[in-house]
């Protein structure tokens, strides 16, 4: 049991490289966590939780609706990962020597699963997300159906959108207004511009991760004619834009605190400045040809994306902590 828990924890922290023999010994939950790339699902959890904490700040929190909303979004994100792997494999993009298959198990390329297995995982996961969505639509009405449809189109269209430079704009839309403001609406039944703008600020983080991944994949994508935004902008310009987005995350928090759209406690995100400094330094330098000493072997060949992800994860968790502190202080009559 302890070994199983360690495997789950590892799958939630990193995208582990798995051999076929090791895969055969996994329990069904570990297989799902690995194949779904669960380590990146933390960004979706963060978006939903930001919406939930805003509901608490406004005195409208509901545990049942928060848990269902968060679970539904995480399952939808996981389903997107399954379908993305399946579509890219069928299109011949995810091959053994392609970038995606090198930094973590592409279950089809690695021979861990067949197409039917990945499709089954994707359909079951999507069905669970849809069931939750139907219940939430029953509770909150047609706007939830609209949000679900937008999410579904985003999921099914991501594999195509990233090839025509729409991947990054889609991430800002989905992980910001759609997830954060959408979660807030489902929990409270209301719309809030404060939540909308706060979600947009947080969404800059996942966007830097995608920028980083596409910069890492630059040469492979260029050979295959995949026109991601970094391909259109050029490698150096894309790196500079990513650095601007990283800085804007902090500027956005400062502005929203100044406008009293965020509690002052969210300034705790400055504790992520160490990761920001490191990410800025990495994006200002060329990518090394091989992983430097001490670099996590399971992360390579991701480089820019890895540093952007570590920063976004810490920033997001601190953002959540800042909102939670605001909720606690307001509960004691201290308006922050």
Protein backbone atom coordinates (compact mmCIF):
# COMPACT_ATOMS: atom_id res chain seq x y z
CA UNK A 1 0.00 0.00 0.00
CA UNK A 2 2.84 2.38 0.86
CA UNK A 3 4.46 1.70 -2.52
CA UNK A 4 1.16 2.45 -4.26
CA UNK A 5 0.78 5.75 -2.43
CA UNK A 6 4.34 6.69 -3.39
CA UNK A 7 3.56 5.94 -7.03
CA UNK A 8 0.44 8.11 -6.89
CA UNK A 9 2.39 10.95 -5.28
CA UNK A 10 5.15 10.69 -7.89
CA UNK A 11 2.62 10.75 -10.74
CA UNK A 12 1.06 13.89 -9.23
CA UNK A 13 4.44 15.67 -8.92
CA UNK A 14 6.22 14.80 -12.17
CA UNK A 15 5.55 13.10 -15.50
CA UNK A 16 7.56 9.92 -14.86
CA UNK A 17 9.34 7.94 -17.55
CA UNK A 18 7.92 4.42 -17.43
CA UNK A 19 9.14 1.13 -18.91
CA UNK A 20 6.71 -1.54 -20.09
CA UNK A 21 7.68 -3.97 -17.31
CA UNK A 22 7.06 -1.32 -14.65
CA UNK A 23 3.73 -0.38 -16.23
CA UNK A 24 2.51 -3.98 -16.02
CA UNK A 25 2.90 -3.87 -12.25
CA UNK A 26 0.83 -0.71 -11.79
CA UNK A 27 -2.66 -0.69 -10.32
CA UNK A 28 -5.45 0.89 -12.45
CA UNK A 29 -5.34 4.23 -10.60
CA UNK A 30 -1.57 4.59 -11.06
CA UNK A 31 -1.95 3.80 -14.77
CA UNK A 32 -4.65 6.44 -15.10
CA UNK A 33 -2.57 9.04 -13.22
CA UNK A 34 0.50 8.40 -15.39
CA UNK A 35 -1.34 8.24 -18.72
CA UNK A 36 -3.37 11.38 -17.89
CA UNK A 37 -0.18 13.37 -17.16
CA UNK A 38 -1.62 14.16 -13.75
CA UNK A 39 1.26 16.41 -12.70
CA UNK A 40 -0.10 19.19 -14.92
CA UNK A 41 -3.65 18.84 -13.56
CA UNK A 42 -2.56 20.97 -10.59
CA UNK A 43 -3.04 24.04 -12.82
CA UNK A 44 -6.71 23.14 -13.32
CA UNK A 45 -7.14 22.44 -9.61
CA UNK A 46 -5.67 25.89 -8.91
CA UNK A 47 -8.05 27.64 -11.32
CA UNK A 48 -11.10 25.96 -9.79
CA UNK A 49 -9.90 26.66 -6.26
CA UNK A 50 -9.34 30.34 -7.01
CA UNK A 51 -12.98 30.52 -8.09
CA UNK A 52 -14.02 28.68 -4.93
CA UNK A 53 -12.04 30.95 -2.63
CA UNK A 54 -13.55 34.03 -4.24
CA UNK A 55 -16.95 32.50 -3.48
CA UNK A 56 -15.84 32.19 0.15
CA UNK A 57 -14.57 35.78 0.17
CA UNK A 58 -17.99 36.92 -0.99
CA UNK A 59 -19.79 34.77 1.60
CA UNK A 60 -21.32 32.39 -0.96
CA UNK A 61 -19.20 29.24 -0.66
CA UNK A 62 -20.75 25.79 -1.08
CA UNK A 63 -18.57 22.73 -0.39
CA UNK A 64 -20.59 20.33 -2.54
CA UNK A 65 -20.60 22.58 -5.60
CA UNK A 66 -16.90 23.41 -5.15
CA UNK A 67 -15.86 19.74 -4.95
CA UNK A 68 -18.00 18.74 -7.92
CA UNK A 69 -16.83 21.69 -10.02
CA UNK A 70 -13.17 21.03 -9.28
CA UNK A 71 -13.49 17.29 -9.90
CA UNK A 72 -15.37 17.88 -13.14
CA UNK A 73 -12.75 20.30 -14.46
CA UNK A 74 -9.83 18.05 -13.50
CA UNK A 75 -11.49 15.07 -15.20
CA UNK A 76 -12.18 17.15 -18.32
CA UNK A 77 -8.53 18.25 -18.44
CA UNK A 78 -7.40 14.63 -18.05
CA UNK A 79 -9.75 13.55 -20.86
CA UNK A 80 -8.25 16.29 -23.02
CA UNK A 81 -4.79 14.83 -22.43
CA UNK A 82 -5.96 11.36 -23.47
CA UNK A 83 -7.61 12.62 -26.65
CA UNK A 84 -4.67 14.89 -27.45
CA UNK A 85 -2.27 11.94 -27.27
CA UNK A 86 -4.60 9.82 -29.39
CA UNK A 87 -5.15 12.47 -32.08
CA UNK A 88 -1.46 13.36 -32.32
CA UNK A 89 -0.55 9.68 -32.59
CA UNK A 90 -3.08 9.06 -35.35
CA UNK A 91 -1.80 12.10 -37.22
CA UNK A 92 1.71 10.67 -37.04
CA UNK A 93 3.04 13.55 -34.94
CA UNK A 94 3.85 11.69 -31.72
CA UNK A 95 6.53 9.30 -32.92
CA UNK A 96 9.27 7.66 -30.87
CA UNK A 97 11.81 10.32 -31.82
CA UNK A 98 9.39 13.23 -31.44
CA UNK A 99 9.74 15.58 -28.51
CA UNK A 100 6.48 14.60 -26.80
CA UNK A 101 7.58 10.98 -26.47
CA UNK A 102 10.89 11.91 -24.82
CA UNK A 103 9.87 13.85 -21.70
CA UNK A 104 7.22 11.45 -20.43
CA UNK A 105 5.26 8.37 -21.44
CA UNK A 106 3.18 8.91 -24.54
CA UNK A 107 1.26 5.69 -23.79
CA UNK A 108 0.81 4.77 -27.47
CA UNK A 109 4.36 5.49 -28.61
CA UNK A 110 5.85 3.78 -25.55
CA UNK A 111 3.73 0.68 -26.16
CA UNK A 112 2.06 0.98 -22.76
CA UNK A 113 -1.45 1.11 -24.24
CA UNK A 114 -3.10 0.58 -27.61
CA UNK A 115 -5.42 3.07 -29.31
CA UNK A 116 -8.51 1.31 -28.00
CA UNK A 117 -7.19 1.54 -24.44
CA UNK A 118 -6.42 5.26 -24.67
CA UNK A 119 -9.80 5.92 -26.28
CA UNK A 120 -11.52 3.96 -23.49
CA UNK A 121 -9.68 5.95 -20.82
CA UNK A 122 -10.60 9.19 -22.57
CA UNK A 123 -14.28 8.30 -23.04
CA UNK A 124 -14.76 7.04 -19.47
CA UNK A 125 -13.02 10.10 -18.04
CA UNK A 126 -15.05 12.43 -20.25
CA UNK A 127 -18.26 10.61 -19.33
CA UNK A 128 -17.57 11.15 -15.63
CA UNK A 129 -16.87 14.84 -16.28
CA UNK A 130 -20.07 15.10 -18.36
CA UNK A 131 -22.15 13.45 -15.63
CA UNK A 132 -20.92 16.02 -13.12
CA UNK A 133 -21.58 18.76 -15.65
CA UNK A 134 -25.17 17.62 -16.15
CA UNK A 135 -25.84 17.74 -12.43
CA UNK A 136 -24.30 21.21 -12.15
CA UNK A 137 -26.39 22.35 -15.12
CA UNK A 138 -29.48 21.07 -13.30
CA UNK A 139 -28.47 23.17 -10.28
CA UNK A 140 -27.39 26.36 -12.08
CA UNK A 141 -29.18 26.26 -15.42
CA UNK A 142 -28.23 26.90 -19.04
CA UNK A 143 -25.08 29.02 -18.43
CA UNK A 144 -23.36 25.85 -17.17
CA UNK A 145 -24.30 24.12 -20.43
CA UNK A 146 -22.70 27.00 -22.34
CA UNK A 147 -19.55 26.81 -20.21
CA UNK A 148 -19.41 23.04 -20.71
CA UNK A 149 -19.78 23.39 -24.48
CA UNK A 150 -16.99 25.96 -24.60
CA UNK A 151 -14.83 23.62 -22.56
CA UNK A 152 -15.67 20.66 -24.82
CA UNK A 153 -14.80 22.61 -27.97
CA UNK A 154 -11.53 23.70 -26.35
CA UNK A 155 -10.68 20.11 -25.42
CA UNK A 156 -11.49 18.62 -28.80
CA UNK A 157 -9.94 21.51 -30.71
CA UNK A 158 -6.67 21.84 -28.79
CA UNK A 159 -4.69 19.40 -30.96
CA UNK A 160 -5.62 21.44 -34.02
CA UNK A 161 -5.45 24.91 -32.45
CA UNK A 162 -1.85 24.56 -31.30
CA UNK A 163 -0.82 23.96 -34.93
CA UNK A 164 -2.17 27.32 -36.04
CA UNK A 165 -0.77 29.47 -33.20
CA UNK A 166 -3.97 29.38 -31.14
CA UNK A 167 -2.71 27.15 -28.33
CA UNK A 168 -1.50 29.97 -26.10
CA UNK A 169 -4.60 32.20 -26.52
CA UNK A 170 -6.75 29.13 -25.82
CA UNK A 171 -4.88 28.47 -22.56
CA UNK A 172 -5.44 32.06 -21.37
CA UNK A 173 -9.16 31.72 -22.12
CA UNK A 174 -9.61 28.27 -20.58
CA UNK A 175 -7.46 28.50 -17.43
CA UNK A 176 -8.56 32.07 -16.78
CA UNK A 177 -12.09 33.37 -17.41
CA UNK A 178 -13.57 30.00 -18.36
CA UNK A 179 -12.33 27.96 -15.39
CA UNK A 180 -11.93 30.60 -12.67
CA UNK A 181 -14.96 32.78 -13.42
CA UNK A 182 -16.89 29.69 -14.51
CA UNK A 183 -16.18 27.91 -11.21
CA UNK A 184 -17.25 31.01 -9.31
CA UNK A 185 -20.52 31.12 -11.25
CA UNK A 186 -21.29 27.44 -10.66
CA UNK A 187 -20.64 27.78 -6.92
CA UNK A 188 -22.44 31.10 -6.40
CA UNK A 189 -24.81 31.55 -9.32
CA UNK A 190 -23.29 35.01 -9.93
CA UNK A 191 -20.72 36.61 -12.24
CA UNK A 192 -17.94 38.84 -10.88
CA UNK A 193 -15.51 41.04 -12.80
CA UNK A 194 -13.10 40.79 -9.88
CA UNK A 195 -12.97 37.04 -10.40
CA UNK A 196 -12.70 37.43 -14.17
CA UNK A 197 -9.61 39.64 -13.96
CA UNK A 198 -8.02 37.57 -11.19
CA UNK A 199 -8.48 34.48 -13.35
CA UNK A 200 -6.85 36.24 -16.27
CA UNK A 201 -3.81 37.09 -14.13
CA UNK A 202 -3.43 33.50 -12.96
CA UNK A 203 -3.90 32.14 -16.51
CA UNK A 204 -0.70 33.91 -17.55
CA UNK A 205 1.12 31.19 -15.59
CA UNK A 206 -0.16 28.15 -17.55
CA UNK A 207 0.38 30.22 -20.71
CA UNK A 208 4.09 30.62 -19.88
CA UNK A 209 4.29 26.84 -19.43
CA UNK A 210 2.84 26.26 -22.90
CA UNK A 211 5.13 28.91 -24.38
CA UNK A 212 8.05 27.14 -22.73
CA UNK A 213 7.01 23.74 -24.07
CA UNK A 214 6.61 25.05 -27.60
CA UNK A 215 9.99 26.79 -27.40
CA UNK A 216 11.50 23.50 -26.22
CA UNK A 217 9.87 21.75 -29.19
CA UNK A 218 10.84 24.52 -31.61
CA UNK A 219 13.16 22.51 -33.87
CA UNK A 220 10.90 19.44 -34.00
CA UNK A 221 7.79 21.52 -34.72
CA UNK A 222 9.63 23.50 -37.41
CA UNK A 223 10.56 20.26 -39.21
CA UNK A 224 6.97 19.01 -39.08
CA UNK A 225 5.40 22.27 -40.19
CA UNK A 226 3.53 22.73 -36.90
CA UNK A 227 2.97 26.47 -36.65
CA UNK A 228 2.84 27.13 -32.91
CA UNK A 229 3.04 30.73 -31.74
CA UNK A 230 6.81 30.50 -31.02
CA UNK A 231 7.35 29.22 -34.58
CA UNK A 232 5.56 32.28 -35.98
CA UNK A 233 7.21 34.73 -33.58
CA UNK A 234 10.67 33.19 -33.65
CA UNK A 235 12.47 31.54 -30.76
CA UNK A 236 14.04 34.65 -29.19
CA UNK A 237 10.94 36.80 -29.50
CA UNK A 238 8.84 34.03 -27.94
CA UNK A 239 11.29 33.80 -25.03
CA UNK A 240 11.08 37.56 -24.49
CA UNK A 241 7.27 37.49 -24.57
CA UNK A 242 7.30 34.69 -22.00
CA UNK A 243 9.47 36.83 -19.71
CA UNK A 244 6.99 39.69 -20.07
CA UNK A 245 4.11 37.36 -19.16
CA UNK A 246 6.02 36.16 -16.09
CA UNK A 247 6.46 39.73 -14.87
CA UNK A 248 2.84 40.62 -15.69
CA UNK A 249 1.67 37.94 -13.24
CA UNK A 250 3.06 40.04 -10.38
CA UNK A 251 2.08 43.37 -11.91
CA UNK A 252 -1.46 42.03 -12.28
CA UNK A 253 -1.66 41.05 -8.62
CA UNK A 254 -0.37 44.49 -7.56
CA UNK A 255 -2.90 46.27 -9.76
CA UNK A 256 -5.84 44.16 -8.58
CA UNK A 257 -4.83 44.62 -4.93
CA UNK A 258 -4.60 48.38 -5.55
CA UNK A 259 -8.09 48.33 -7.09
CA UNK A 260 -9.32 46.23 -4.14
CA UNK A 261 -10.29 43.41 -6.45
CA UNK A 262 -7.91 41.12 -4.55
CA UNK A 263 -7.27 40.99 -0.79
CA UNK A 264 -3.91 42.42 0.23
CA UNK A 265 -2.95 38.96 1.52
CA UNK A 266 -2.46 37.78 -2.07
CA UNK A 267 0.75 39.80 -2.12
CA UNK A 268 2.20 36.67 -0.53
CA UNK A 269 2.91 35.60 -4.13
CA UNK A 270 6.16 37.57 -3.80
CA UNK A 271 7.50 34.46 -2.05
CA UNK A 272 7.65 32.93 -5.54
CA UNK A 273 10.14 35.56 -6.70
CA UNK A 274 12.98 33.06 -6.28
CA UNK A 275 11.37 30.85 -8.94
CA UNK A 276 10.64 33.92 -11.07
CA UNK A 277 14.29 34.99 -10.94
CA UNK A 278 15.40 31.51 -11.94
CA UNK A 279 12.87 31.31 -14.78
CA UNK A 280 13.88 34.75 -16.07
CA UNK A 281 17.53 33.69 -16.07
CA UNK A 282 16.71 30.47 -17.93
CA UNK A 283 14.60 32.23 -20.57
CA UNK A 284 17.42 34.73 -21.10
CA UNK A 285 19.92 32.03 -22.04
CA UNK A 286 20.22 29.37 -24.76
CA UNK A 287 18.88 25.91 -24.07
CA UNK A 288 21.69 23.47 -23.13
CA UNK A 289 22.37 20.50 -25.40
CA UNK A 290 22.18 18.10 -22.47
CA UNK A 291 20.76 18.28 -18.95
CA UNK A 292 23.18 19.98 -16.54
CA UNK A 293 24.34 18.23 -13.40
CA UNK A 294 21.58 18.01 -10.82
CA UNK A 295 18.77 18.55 -13.33
CA UNK A 296 15.89 16.07 -12.76
CA UNK A 297 16.35 13.34 -15.40
CA UNK A 298 12.59 12.77 -15.69
CA UNK A 299 12.10 16.39 -16.79
CA UNK A 300 14.51 16.30 -19.75
CA UNK A 301 14.24 17.22 -22.62
CA UNK A 302 11.84 19.82 -21.23
CA UNK A 303 13.85 22.88 -20.21
CA UNK A 304 12.01 26.18 -20.54
CA UNK A 305 8.65 24.52 -19.81
CA UNK A 306 10.00 22.87 -16.67
CA UNK A 307 11.16 26.14 -15.10
CA UNK A 308 7.93 27.90 -16.13
CA UNK A 309 5.91 25.06 -14.59
CA UNK A 310 7.79 25.10 -11.28
CA UNK A 311 7.25 28.85 -11.06
CA UNK A 312 3.57 28.64 -12.00
CA UNK A 313 2.94 25.88 -9.48
CA UNK A 314 4.49 27.87 -6.62
CA UNK A 315 2.83 31.14 -7.70
CA UNK A 316 -0.56 29.41 -7.96
CA UNK A 317 -0.34 27.73 -4.56
CA UNK A 318 0.73 31.02 -2.94
CA UNK A 319 -2.12 32.80 -4.73
CA UNK A 320 -4.50 30.25 -3.21
CA UNK A 321 -2.90 30.71 0.21
CA UNK A 322 -3.29 34.49 -0.08
CA UNK A 323 -6.98 34.15 -0.90
CA UNK A 324 -7.45 31.67 1.94
CA UNK A 325 -5.81 34.08 4.40
CA UNK A 326 -8.17 36.76 3.14
CA UNK A 327 -11.15 34.48 3.78
CA UNK A 328 -9.95 33.73 7.33
CA UNK A 329 -9.29 37.37 8.19
CA UNK A 330 -12.68 38.50 6.86
CA UNK A 331 -14.33 35.78 8.94
CA UNK A 332 -12.87 37.55 11.98
CA UNK A 333 -14.11 40.93 10.79
CA UNK A 334 -10.78 42.12 9.36
CA UNK A 335 -11.47 43.53 5.90
CA UNK A 336 -8.39 43.04 3.74
